[in-house]
Amino acid sequence: MVEQQAQVVVVHLPSERRFEAMIGTQSVGKVDYVQAKTQIAFLHTEVMPEHKGAGIGSVLARTVLDYARAERLAVIPACPFIEGWMERHHEYDDLPRSRL
């Protein structure tokens, strides 16, 4: 069982095409992506093993999908985690979806 941890902050690193979840100065998860003019493809989501089960993946998913919404980008959920998360969270059904 993972104990509740300090607040997770997600940092957008556009030069690395990544959103990174941080607890303090420690990276605890990430979502890698590629972005075109009208689309963003989420390629890979990873949470460090010692932080699995703490909701970090959900924080990352919400952050990247909120970014896509704000930027008016169609989402390509190439990552199985993001795709599954979107299927369970209908508040993101309004986002246009595309395929690779």
PDB file of N, CA and C in Angstrom:
ATOM      1  N   MET A   1       0.845  -1.184   0.000  1.00  0.00           N
ATOM      2  CA  MET A   1       0.000   0.000   0.000  1.00  0.00           C
ATOM      3  C   MET A   1       0.884   1.239   0.000  1.00  0.00           C
ATOM      4  N   VAL A   2       0.549   2.177  -0.875  1.00  0.00           N
ATOM      5  CA  VAL A   2       1.309   3.417  -0.958  1.00  0.00           C
ATOM      6  C   VAL A   2       0.693   4.438  -0.013  1.00  0.00           C
ATOM      7  N   GLU A   3       1.520   5.068   0.800  1.00  0.00           N
ATOM      8  CA  GLU A   3       1.021   6.095   1.709  1.00  0.00           C
ATOM      9  C   GLU A   3       0.726   7.363   0.932  1.00  0.00           C
ATOM     10  N   GLN A   4      -0.213   8.171   1.459  1.00  0.00           N
ATOM     11  CA  GLN A   4      -0.515   9.458   0.847  1.00  0.00           C
ATOM     12  C   GLN A   4       0.737  10.315   0.920  1.00  0.00           C
ATOM     13  N   GLN A   5       1.076  10.944  -0.184  1.00  0.00           N
ATOM     14  CA  GLN A   5       2.321  11.681  -0.265  1.00  0.00           C
ATOM     15  C   GLN A   5       2.061  13.173  -0.359  1.00  0.00           C
ATOM     16  N   ALA A   6       3.142  13.939  -0.371  1.00  0.00           N
ATOM     17  CA  ALA A   6       3.056  15.380  -0.552  1.00  0.00           C
ATOM     18  C   ALA A   6       2.396  15.686  -1.893  1.00  0.00           C
ATOM     19  N   GLN A   7       2.031  16.913  -2.070  1.00  0.00           N
ATOM     20  CA  GLN A   7       1.321  17.336  -3.269  1.00  0.00           C
ATOM     21  C   GLN A   7       2.141  17.090  -4.541  1.00  0.00           C
ATOM     22  N   VAL A   8       1.447  16.570  -5.551  1.00  0.00           N
ATOM     23  CA  VAL A   8       2.052  16.323  -6.857  1.00  0.00           C
ATOM     24  C   VAL A   8       1.880  17.577  -7.703  1.00  0.00           C
ATOM     25  N   VAL A   9       2.965  18.033  -8.289  1.00  0.00           N
ATOM     26  CA  VAL A   9       2.944  19.174  -9.198  1.00  0.00           C
ATOM     27  C   VAL A   9       3.372  18.657 -10.562  1.00  0.00           C
ATOM     28  N   VAL A  10       2.590  18.992 -11.601  1.00  0.00           N
ATOM     29  CA  VAL A  10       2.942  18.562 -12.947  1.00  0.00           C
ATOM     30  C   VAL A  10       3.565  19.736 -13.680  1.00  0.00           C
ATOM     31  N   VAL A  11       4.740  19.490 -14.247  1.00  0.00           N
ATOM     32  CA  VAL A  11       5.504  20.499 -14.971  1.00  0.00           C
ATOM     33  C   VAL A  11       5.492  20.139 -16.454  1.00  0.00           C
ATOM     34  N   HIS A  12       5.213  21.138 -17.299  1.00  0.00           N
ATOM     35  CA  HIS A  12       5.247  20.919 -18.747  1.00  0.00           C
ATOM     36  C   HIS A  12       6.641  21.282 -19.245  1.00  0.00           C
ATOM     37  N   LEU A  13       7.277  20.334 -19.920  1.00  0.00           N
ATOM     38  CA  LEU A  13       8.616  20.534 -20.483  1.00  0.00           C
ATOM     39  C   LEU A  13       8.516  20.428 -22.002  1.00  0.00           C
ATOM     40  N   PRO A  14       8.065  21.506 -22.681  1.00  0.00           N
ATOM     41  CA  PRO A  14       7.837  21.422 -24.125  1.00  0.00           C
ATOM     42  C   PRO A  14       9.085  21.043 -24.928  1.00  0.00           C
ATOM     43  N   SER A  15      10.256  21.489 -24.510  1.00  0.00           N
ATOM     44  CA  SER A  15      11.475  21.166 -25.257  1.00  0.00           C
ATOM     45  C   SER A  15      11.792  19.677 -25.214  1.00  0.00           C
ATOM     46  N   GLU A  16      11.276  18.977 -24.187  1.00  0.00           N
ATOM     47  CA  GLU A  16      11.478  17.532 -24.055  1.00  0.00           C
ATOM     48  C   GLU A  16      10.229  16.751 -24.455  1.00  0.00           C
ATOM     49  N   ARG A  17       9.183  17.468 -24.854  1.00  0.00           N
ATOM     50  CA  ARG A  17       7.888  16.880 -25.220  1.00  0.00           C
ATOM     51  C   ARG A  17       7.404  15.934 -24.119  1.00  0.00           C
ATOM     52  N   ARG A  18       7.318  16.512 -22.918  1.00  0.00           N
ATOM     53  CA  ARG A  18       6.975  15.700 -21.753  1.00  0.00           C
ATOM     54  C   ARG A  18       6.264  16.551 -20.706  1.00  0.00           C
ATOM     55  N   PHE A  19       5.333  15.914 -20.024  1.00  0.00           N
ATOM     56  CA  PHE A  19       4.767  16.442 -18.787  1.00  0.00           C
ATOM     57  C   PHE A  19       5.338  15.567 -17.685  1.00  0.00           C
ATOM     58  N   GLU A  20       5.853  16.206 -16.633  1.00  0.00           N
ATOM     59  CA  GLU A  20       6.507  15.445 -15.581  1.00  0.00           C
ATOM     60  C   GLU A  20       5.846  15.724 -14.236  1.00  0.00           C
ATOM     61  N   ALA A  21       5.509  14.664 -13.510  1.00  0.00           N
ATOM     62  CA  ALA A  21       4.929  14.785 -12.174  1.00  0.00           C
ATOM     63  C   ALA A  21       6.071  14.837 -11.164  1.00  0.00           C
ATOM     64  N   MET A  22       5.995  15.825 -10.296  1.00  0.00           N
ATOM     65  CA  MET A  22       7.044  16.043  -9.314  1.00  0.00           C
ATOM     66  C   MET A  22       6.452  16.050  -7.908  1.00  0.00           C
ATOM     67  N   ILE A  23       7.180  15.450  -6.986  1.00  0.00           N
ATOM     68  CA  ILE A  23       6.916  15.625  -5.563  1.00  0.00           C
ATOM     69  C   ILE A  23       8.187  16.256  -5.023  1.00  0.00           C
ATOM     70  N   GLY A  24       8.090  17.519  -4.695  1.00  0.00           N
ATOM     71  CA  GLY A  24       9.294  18.270  -4.331  1.00  0.00           C
ATOM     72  C   GLY A  24      10.199  18.348  -5.549  1.00  0.00           C
ATOM     73  N   THR A  25      11.421  17.878  -5.402  1.00  0.00           N
ATOM     74  CA  THR A  25      12.368  17.886  -6.522  1.00  0.00           C
ATOM     75  C   THR A  25      12.490  16.526  -7.198  1.00  0.00           C
ATOM     76  N   GLN A  26      11.681  15.560  -6.751  1.00  0.00           N
ATOM     77  CA  GLN A  26      11.758  14.201  -7.283  1.00  0.00           C
ATOM     78  C   GLN A  26      10.732  13.981  -8.385  1.00  0.00           C
ATOM     79  N   SER A  27      11.198  13.482  -9.533  1.00  0.00           N
ATOM     80  CA  SER A  27      10.304  13.096 -10.622  1.00  0.00           C
ATOM     81  C   SER A  27       9.667  11.757 -10.259  1.00  0.00           C
ATOM     82  N   VAL A  28       8.321  11.720 -10.291  1.00  0.00           N
ATOM     83  CA  VAL A  28       7.625  10.500  -9.901  1.00  0.00           C
ATOM     84  C   VAL A  28       6.779   9.921 -11.034  1.00  0.00           C
ATOM     85  N   GLY A  29       6.727  10.627 -12.164  1.00  0.00           N
ATOM     86  CA  GLY A  29       5.964  10.124 -13.296  1.00  0.00           C
ATOM     87  C   GLY A  29       6.076  11.063 -14.481  1.00  0.00           C
ATOM     88  N   LYS A  30       5.609  10.576 -15.648  1.00  0.00           N
ATOM     89  CA  LYS A  30       5.707  11.405 -16.847  1.00  0.00           C
ATOM     90  C   LYS A  30       4.724  10.933 -17.909  1.00  0.00           C
ATOM     91  N   VAL A  31       4.417  11.842 -18.824  1.00  0.00           N
ATOM     92  CA  VAL A  31       3.689  11.526 -20.051  1.00  0.00           C
ATOM     93  C   VAL A  31       4.501  12.124 -21.186  1.00  0.00           C
ATOM     94  N   ASP A  32       4.910  11.278 -22.137  1.00  0.00           N
ATOM     95  CA  ASP A  32       5.611  11.731 -23.324  1.00  0.00           C
ATOM     96  C   ASP A  32       4.595  11.956 -24.436  1.00  0.00           C
ATOM     97  N   TYR A  33       4.842  12.962 -25.269  1.00  0.00           N
ATOM     98  CA  TYR A  33       3.896  13.293 -26.327  1.00  0.00           C
ATOM     99  C   TYR A  33       4.594  13.845 -27.558  1.00  0.00           C
ATOM    100  N   VAL A  34       3.867  13.894 -28.661  1.00  0.00           N
ATOM    101  CA  VAL A  34       4.258  14.661 -29.841  1.00  0.00           C
ATOM    102  C   VAL A  34       3.059  15.529 -30.186  1.00  0.00           C
ATOM    103  N   GLN A  35       3.364  16.742 -30.623  1.00  0.00           N
ATOM    104  CA  GLN A  35       2.298  17.692 -30.908  1.00  0.00           C
ATOM    105  C   GLN A  35       2.472  18.275 -32.291  1.00  0.00           C
ATOM    106  N   ALA A  36       1.375  18.333 -33.017  1.00  0.00           N
ATOM    107  CA  ALA A  36       1.332  19.001 -34.310  1.00  0.00           C
ATOM    108  C   ALA A  36       0.433  20.223 -34.145  1.00  0.00           C
ATOM    109  N   LYS A  37       0.145  20.876 -35.237  1.00  0.00           N
ATOM    110  CA  LYS A  37      -0.642  22.103 -35.183  1.00  0.00           C
ATOM    111  C   LYS A  37      -2.009  21.911 -34.526  1.00  0.00           C
ATOM    112  N   THR A  38      -2.705  20.844 -34.875  1.00  0.00           N
ATOM    113  CA  THR A  38      -4.078  20.658 -34.396  1.00  0.00           C
ATOM    114  C   THR A  38      -4.274  19.381 -33.588  1.00  0.00           C
ATOM    115  N   GLN A  39      -3.198  18.633 -33.347  1.00  0.00           N
ATOM    116  CA  GLN A  39      -3.312  17.351 -32.653  1.00  0.00           C
ATOM    117  C   GLN A  39      -2.177  17.169 -31.658  1.00  0.00           C
ATOM    118  N   ILE A  40      -2.462  16.352 -30.657  1.00  0.00           N
ATOM    119  CA  ILE A  40      -1.424  15.935 -29.713  1.00  0.00           C
ATOM    120  C   ILE A  40      -1.586  14.438 -29.494  1.00  0.00           C
ATOM    121  N   ALA A  41      -0.484  13.718 -29.619  1.00  0.00           N
ATOM    122  CA  ALA A  41      -0.493  12.268 -29.398  1.00  0.00           C
ATOM    123  C   ALA A  41       0.234  11.989 -28.083  1.00  0.00           C
ATOM    124  N   PHE A  42      -0.482  11.365 -27.162  1.00  0.00           N
ATOM    125  CA  PHE A  42       0.120  10.947 -25.906  1.00  0.00           C
ATOM    126  C   PHE A  42       0.658   9.540 -26.111  1.00  0.00           C
ATOM    127  N   LEU A  43       1.985   9.408 -26.027  1.00  0.00           N
ATOM    128  CA  LEU A  43       2.671   8.185 -26.435  1.00  0.00           C
ATOM    129  C   LEU A  43       2.932   7.209 -25.298  1.00  0.00           C
ATOM    130  N   HIS A  44       3.262   7.736 -24.132  1.00  0.00           N
ATOM    131  CA  HIS A  44       3.702   6.849 -23.046  1.00  0.00           C
ATOM    132  C   HIS A  44       3.474   7.541 -21.710  1.00  0.00           C
ATOM    133  N   THR A  45       2.885   6.810 -20.783  1.00  0.00           N
ATOM    134  CA  THR A  45       2.712   7.292 -19.412  1.00  0.00           C
ATOM    135  C   THR A  45       3.455   6.331 -18.499  1.00  0.00           C
ATOM    136  N   GLU A  46       4.170   6.908 -17.558  1.00  0.00           N
ATOM    137  CA  GLU A  46       4.937   6.080 -16.630  1.00  0.00           C
ATOM    138  C   GLU A  46       4.898   6.710 -15.241  1.00  0.00           C
ATOM    139  N   VAL A  47       4.654   5.877 -14.235  1.00  0.00           N
ATOM    140  CA  VAL A  47       4.745   6.293 -12.840  1.00  0.00           C
ATOM    141  C   VAL A  47       5.801   5.404 -12.198  1.00  0.00           C
ATOM    142  N   MET A  48       6.693   6.019 -11.446  1.00  0.00           N
ATOM    143  CA  MET A  48       7.755   5.263 -10.803  1.00  0.00           C
ATOM    144  C   MET A  48       7.138   4.189  -9.901  1.00  0.00           C
ATOM    145  N   PRO A  49       7.704   2.984  -9.915  1.00  0.00           N
ATOM    146  CA  PRO A  49       7.111   1.852  -9.187  1.00  0.00           C
ATOM    147  C   PRO A  49       6.780   2.145  -7.728  1.00  0.00           C
ATOM    148  N   GLU A  50       7.627   2.867  -7.043  1.00  0.00           N
ATOM    149  CA  GLU A  50       7.389   3.140  -5.625  1.00  0.00           C
ATOM    150  C   GLU A  50       6.238   4.127  -5.390  1.00  0.00           C
ATOM    151  N   HIS A  51       5.693   4.703  -6.479  1.00  0.00           N
ATOM    152  CA  HIS A  51       4.589   5.664  -6.362  1.00  0.00           C
ATOM    153  C   HIS A  51       3.306   5.175  -7.030  1.00  0.00           C
ATOM    154  N   LYS A  52       3.317   3.956  -7.541  1.00  0.00           N
ATOM    155  CA  LYS A  52       2.104   3.413  -8.169  1.00  0.00           C
ATOM    156  C   LYS A  52       1.009   3.268  -7.120  1.00  0.00           C
ATOM    157  N   GLY A  53      -0.213   3.516  -7.555  1.00  0.00           N
ATOM    158  CA  GLY A  53      -1.357   3.399  -6.668  1.00  0.00           C
ATOM    159  C   GLY A  53      -1.653   4.649  -5.859  1.00  0.00           C
ATOM    160  N   ALA A  54      -0.882   5.709  -6.071  1.00  0.00           N
ATOM    161  CA  ALA A  54      -1.070   6.948  -5.309  1.00  0.00           C
ATOM    162  C   ALA A  54      -1.859   7.999  -6.084  1.00  0.00           C
ATOM    163  N   GLY A  55      -2.367   7.642  -7.270  1.00  0.00           N
ATOM    164  CA  GLY A  55      -3.163   8.586  -8.055  1.00  0.00           C
ATOM    165  C   GLY A  55      -2.358   9.508  -8.950  1.00  0.00           C
ATOM    166  N   ILE A  56      -1.073   9.261  -9.059  1.00  0.00           N
ATOM    167  CA  ILE A  56      -0.220  10.132  -9.870  1.00  0.00           C
ATOM    168  C   ILE A  56      -0.581  10.026 -11.350  1.00  0.00           C
ATOM    169  N   GLY A  57      -0.899   8.826 -11.819  1.00  0.00           N
ATOM    170  CA  GLY A  57      -1.311   8.660 -13.214  1.00  0.00           C
ATOM    171  C   GLY A  57      -2.551   9.478 -13.527  1.00  0.00           C
ATOM    172  N   SER A  58      -3.494   9.514 -12.602  1.00  0.00           N
ATOM    173  CA  SER A  58      -4.710  10.311 -12.800  1.00  0.00           C
ATOM    174  C   SER A  58      -4.408  11.803 -12.825  1.00  0.00           C
ATOM    175  N   VAL A  59      -3.515  12.261 -11.965  1.00  0.00           N
ATOM    176  CA  VAL A  59      -3.117  13.673 -11.977  1.00  0.00           C
ATOM    177  C   VAL A  59      -2.486  14.015 -13.326  1.00  0.00           C
ATOM    178  N   LEU A  60      -1.624  13.138 -13.816  1.00  0.00           N
ATOM    179  CA  LEU A  60      -1.005  13.358 -15.125  1.00  0.00           C
ATOM    180  C   LEU A  60      -2.052  13.381 -16.229  1.00  0.00           C
ATOM    181  N   ALA A  61      -2.961  12.413 -16.227  1.00  0.00           N
ATOM    182  CA  ALA A  61      -3.980  12.334 -17.274  1.00  0.00           C
ATOM    183  C   ALA A  61      -4.828  13.601 -17.297  1.00  0.00           C
ATOM    184  N   ARG A  62      -5.304  14.031 -16.151  1.00  0.00           N
ATOM    185  CA  ARG A  62      -6.116  15.248 -16.104  1.00  0.00           C
ATOM    186  C   ARG A  62      -5.340  16.446 -16.629  1.00  0.00           C
ATOM    187  N   THR A  63      -4.092  16.557 -16.236  1.00  0.00           N
ATOM    188  CA  THR A  63      -3.280  17.699 -16.646  1.00  0.00           C
ATOM    189  C   THR A  63      -3.073  17.722 -18.154  1.00  0.00           C
ATOM    190  N   VAL A  64      -2.712  16.585 -18.745  1.00  0.00           N
ATOM    191  CA  VAL A  64      -2.436  16.582 -20.187  1.00  0.00           C
ATOM    192  C   VAL A  64      -3.716  16.777 -20.991  1.00  0.00           C
ATOM    193  N   LEU A  65      -4.826  16.234 -20.506  1.00  0.00           N
ATOM    194  CA  LEU A  65      -6.092  16.404 -21.227  1.00  0.00           C
ATOM    195  C   LEU A  65      -6.621  17.827 -21.068  1.00  0.00           C
ATOM    196  N   ASP A  66      -6.422  18.429 -19.917  1.00  0.00           N
ATOM    197  CA  ASP A  66      -6.790  19.841 -19.746  1.00  0.00           C
ATOM    198  C   ASP A  66      -5.946  20.725 -20.660  1.00  0.00           C
ATOM    199  N   TYR A  67      -4.685  20.379 -20.824  1.00  0.00           N
ATOM    200  CA  TYR A  67      -3.811  21.107 -21.748  1.00  0.00           C
ATOM    201  C   TYR A  67      -4.351  20.992 -23.177  1.00  0.00           C
ATOM    202  N   ALA A  68      -4.687  19.778 -23.598  1.00  0.00           N
ATOM    203  CA  ALA A  68      -5.224  19.574 -24.953  1.00  0.00           C
ATOM    204  C   ALA A  68      -6.497  20.396 -25.146  1.00  0.00           C
ATOM    205  N   ARG A  69      -7.356  20.403 -24.158  1.00  0.00           N
ATOM    206  CA  ARG A  69      -8.599  21.180 -24.240  1.00  0.00           C
ATOM    207  C   ARG A  69      -8.294  22.672 -24.366  1.00  0.00           C
ATOM    208  N   ALA A  70      -7.415  23.175 -23.528  1.00  0.00           N
ATOM    209  CA  ALA A  70      -7.079  24.604 -23.537  1.00  0.00           C
ATOM    210  C   ALA A  70      -6.447  25.031 -24.863  1.00  0.00           C
ATOM    211  N   GLU A  71      -5.667  24.135 -25.451  1.00  0.00           N
ATOM    212  CA  GLU A  71      -4.990  24.436 -26.716  1.00  0.00           C
ATOM    213  C   GLU A  71      -5.840  24.076 -27.935  1.00  0.00           C
ATOM    214  N   ARG A  72      -7.034  23.529 -27.690  1.00  0.00           N
ATOM    215  CA  ARG A  72      -7.968  23.119 -28.756  1.00  0.00           C
ATOM    216  C   ARG A  72      -7.330  22.097 -29.700  1.00  0.00           C
ATOM    217  N   LEU A  73      -6.723  21.086 -29.092  1.00  0.00           N
ATOM    218  CA  LEU A  73      -6.043  20.032 -29.850  1.00  0.00           C
ATOM    219  C   LEU A  73      -6.868  18.752 -29.835  1.00  0.00           C
ATOM    220  N   ALA A  74      -6.899  18.073 -30.958  1.00  0.00           N
ATOM    221  CA  ALA A  74      -7.482  16.731 -30.999  1.00  0.00           C
ATOM    222  C   ALA A  74      -6.496  15.793 -30.313  1.00  0.00           C
ATOM    223  N   VAL A  75      -7.023  14.842 -29.573  1.00  0.00           N
ATOM    224  CA  VAL A  75      -6.198  13.917 -28.793  1.00  0.00           C
ATOM    225  C   VAL A  75      -6.056  12.590 -29.532  1.00  0.00           C
ATOM    226  N   ILE A  76      -4.828  12.139 -29.641  1.00  0.00           N
ATOM    227  CA  ILE A  76      -4.531  10.805 -30.143  1.00  0.00           C
ATOM    228  C   ILE A  76      -4.031  10.013 -28.933  1.00  0.00           C
ATOM    229  N   PRO A  77      -4.894   9.182 -28.348  1.00  0.00           N
ATOM    230  CA  PRO A  77      -4.487   8.438 -27.145  1.00  0.00           C
ATOM    231  C   PRO A  77      -3.707   7.174 -27.508  1.00  0.00           C
ATOM    232  N   ALA A  78      -2.476   7.354 -27.998  1.00  0.00           N
ATOM    233  CA  ALA A  78      -1.641   6.218 -28.399  1.00  0.00           C
ATOM    234  C   ALA A  78      -1.177   5.410 -27.186  1.00  0.00           C
ATOM    235  N   CYS A  79      -1.167   6.027 -26.029  1.00  0.00           N
ATOM    236  CA  CYS A  79      -0.782   5.359 -24.792  1.00  0.00           C
ATOM    237  C   CYS A  79      -1.999   4.618 -24.228  1.00  0.00           C
ATOM    238  N   PRO A  80      -1.888   3.330 -23.950  1.00  0.00           N
ATOM    239  CA  PRO A  80      -3.023   2.581 -23.406  1.00  0.00           C
ATOM    240  C   PRO A  80      -3.551   3.146 -22.088  1.00  0.00           C
ATOM    241  N   PHE A  81      -2.682   3.694 -21.253  1.00  0.00           N
ATOM    242  CA  PHE A  81      -3.150   4.263 -19.988  1.00  0.00           C
ATOM    243  C   PHE A  81      -4.054   5.458 -20.243  1.00  0.00           C
ATOM    244  N   ILE A  82      -3.627   6.385 -21.093  1.00  0.00           N
ATOM    245  CA  ILE A  82      -4.437   7.576 -21.384  1.00  0.00           C
ATOM    246  C   ILE A  82      -5.738   7.168 -22.065  1.00  0.00           C
ATOM    247  N   GLU A  83      -5.674   6.232 -22.993  1.00  0.00           N
ATOM    248  CA  GLU A  83      -6.889   5.781 -23.674  1.00  0.00           C
ATOM    249  C   GLU A  83      -7.891   5.190 -22.676  1.00  0.00           C
ATOM    250  N   GLY A  84      -7.431   4.314 -21.820  1.00  0.00           N
ATOM    251  CA  GLY A  84      -8.305   3.706 -20.824  1.00  0.00           C
ATOM    252  C   GLY A  84      -8.841   4.723 -19.836  1.00  0.00           C
ATOM    253  N   TRP A  85      -8.010   5.673 -19.459  1.00  0.00           N
ATOM    254  CA  TRP A  85      -8.421   6.698 -18.510  1.00  0.00           C
ATOM    255  C   TRP A  85      -9.537   7.545 -19.120  1.00  0.00           C
ATOM    256  N   MET A  86      -9.381   7.903 -20.392  1.00  0.00           N
ATOM    257  CA  MET A  86     -10.411   8.693 -21.074  1.00  0.00           C
ATOM    258  C   MET A  86     -11.727   7.925 -21.163  1.00  0.00           C
ATOM    259  N   GLU A  87     -11.656   6.627 -21.375  1.00  0.00           N
ATOM    260  CA  GLU A  87     -12.871   5.821 -21.475  1.00  0.00           C
ATOM    261  C   GLU A  87     -13.635   5.776 -20.156  1.00  0.00           C
ATOM    262  N   ARG A  88     -12.926   5.938 -19.042  1.00  0.00           N
ATOM    263  CA  ARG A  88     -13.566   5.891 -17.724  1.00  0.00           C
ATOM    264  C   ARG A  88     -13.977   7.267 -17.198  1.00  0.00           C
ATOM    265  N   HIS A  89     -13.512   8.336 -17.832  1.00  0.00           N
ATOM    266  CA  HIS A  89     -13.765   9.694 -17.339  1.00  0.00           C
ATOM    267  C   HIS A  89     -14.466  10.502 -18.428  1.00  0.00           C
ATOM    268  N   HIS A  90     -15.776  10.454 -18.381  1.00  0.00           N
ATOM    269  CA  HIS A  90     -16.589  11.020 -19.452  1.00  0.00           C
ATOM    270  C   HIS A  90     -16.591  12.543 -19.486  1.00  0.00           C
ATOM    271  N   GLU A  91     -16.008  13.171 -18.491  1.00  0.00           N
ATOM    272  CA  GLU A  91     -15.904  14.630 -18.528  1.00  0.00           C
ATOM    273  C   GLU A  91     -14.959  15.104 -19.638  1.00  0.00           C
ATOM    274  N   TYR A  92     -14.254  14.162 -20.258  1.00  0.00           N
ATOM    275  CA  TYR A  92     -13.365  14.489 -21.374  1.00  0.00           C
ATOM    276  C   TYR A  92     -13.917  14.014 -22.717  1.00  0.00           C
ATOM    277  N   ASP A  93     -15.177  13.586 -22.743  1.00  0.00           N
ATOM    278  CA  ASP A  93     -15.796  13.121 -23.993  1.00  0.00           C
ATOM    279  C   ASP A  93     -15.881  14.221 -25.046  1.00  0.00           C
ATOM    280  N   ASP A  94     -15.836  15.486 -24.618  1.00  0.00           N
ATOM    281  CA  ASP A  94     -15.932  16.593 -25.560  1.00  0.00           C
ATOM    282  C   ASP A  94     -14.646  16.791 -26.368  1.00  0.00           C
ATOM    283  N   LEU A  95     -13.550  16.207 -25.930  1.00  0.00           N
ATOM    284  CA  LEU A  95     -12.287  16.365 -26.664  1.00  0.00           C
ATOM    285  C   LEU A  95     -12.347  15.589 -27.978  1.00  0.00           C
ATOM    286  N   PRO A  96     -12.004  16.255 -29.078  1.00  0.00           N
ATOM    287  CA  PRO A  96     -11.940  15.498 -30.326  1.00  0.00           C
ATOM    288  C   PRO A  96     -10.838  14.450 -30.239  1.00  0.00           C
ATOM    289  N   ARG A  97     -11.122  13.257 -30.746  1.00  0.00           N
ATOM    290  CA  ARG A  97     -10.136  12.182 -30.719  1.00  0.00           C
ATOM    291  C   ARG A  97      -9.763  11.811 -32.142  1.00  0.00           C
ATOM    292  N   SER A  98      -8.546  11.370 -32.268  1.00  0.00           N
ATOM    293  CA  SER A  98      -8.036  10.971 -33.569  1.00  0.00           C
ATOM    294  C   SER A  98      -7.199   9.705 -33.388  1.00  0.00           C
ATOM    295  N   ARG A  99      -6.770   9.135 -34.454  1.00  0.00           N
ATOM    296  CA  ARG A  99      -5.919   7.943 -34.425  1.00  0.00           C
ATOM    297  C   ARG A  99      -4.620   8.237 -35.162  1.00  0.00           C
ATOM    298  N   LEU A 100      -3.595   7.500 -34.803  1.00  0.00           N
ATOM    299  CA  LEU A 100      -2.297   7.610 -35.511  1.00  0.00           C
ATOM    300  C   LEU A 100      -2.425   7.069 -36.904  1.00  0.00           C
TER     301      LEU A 100
END
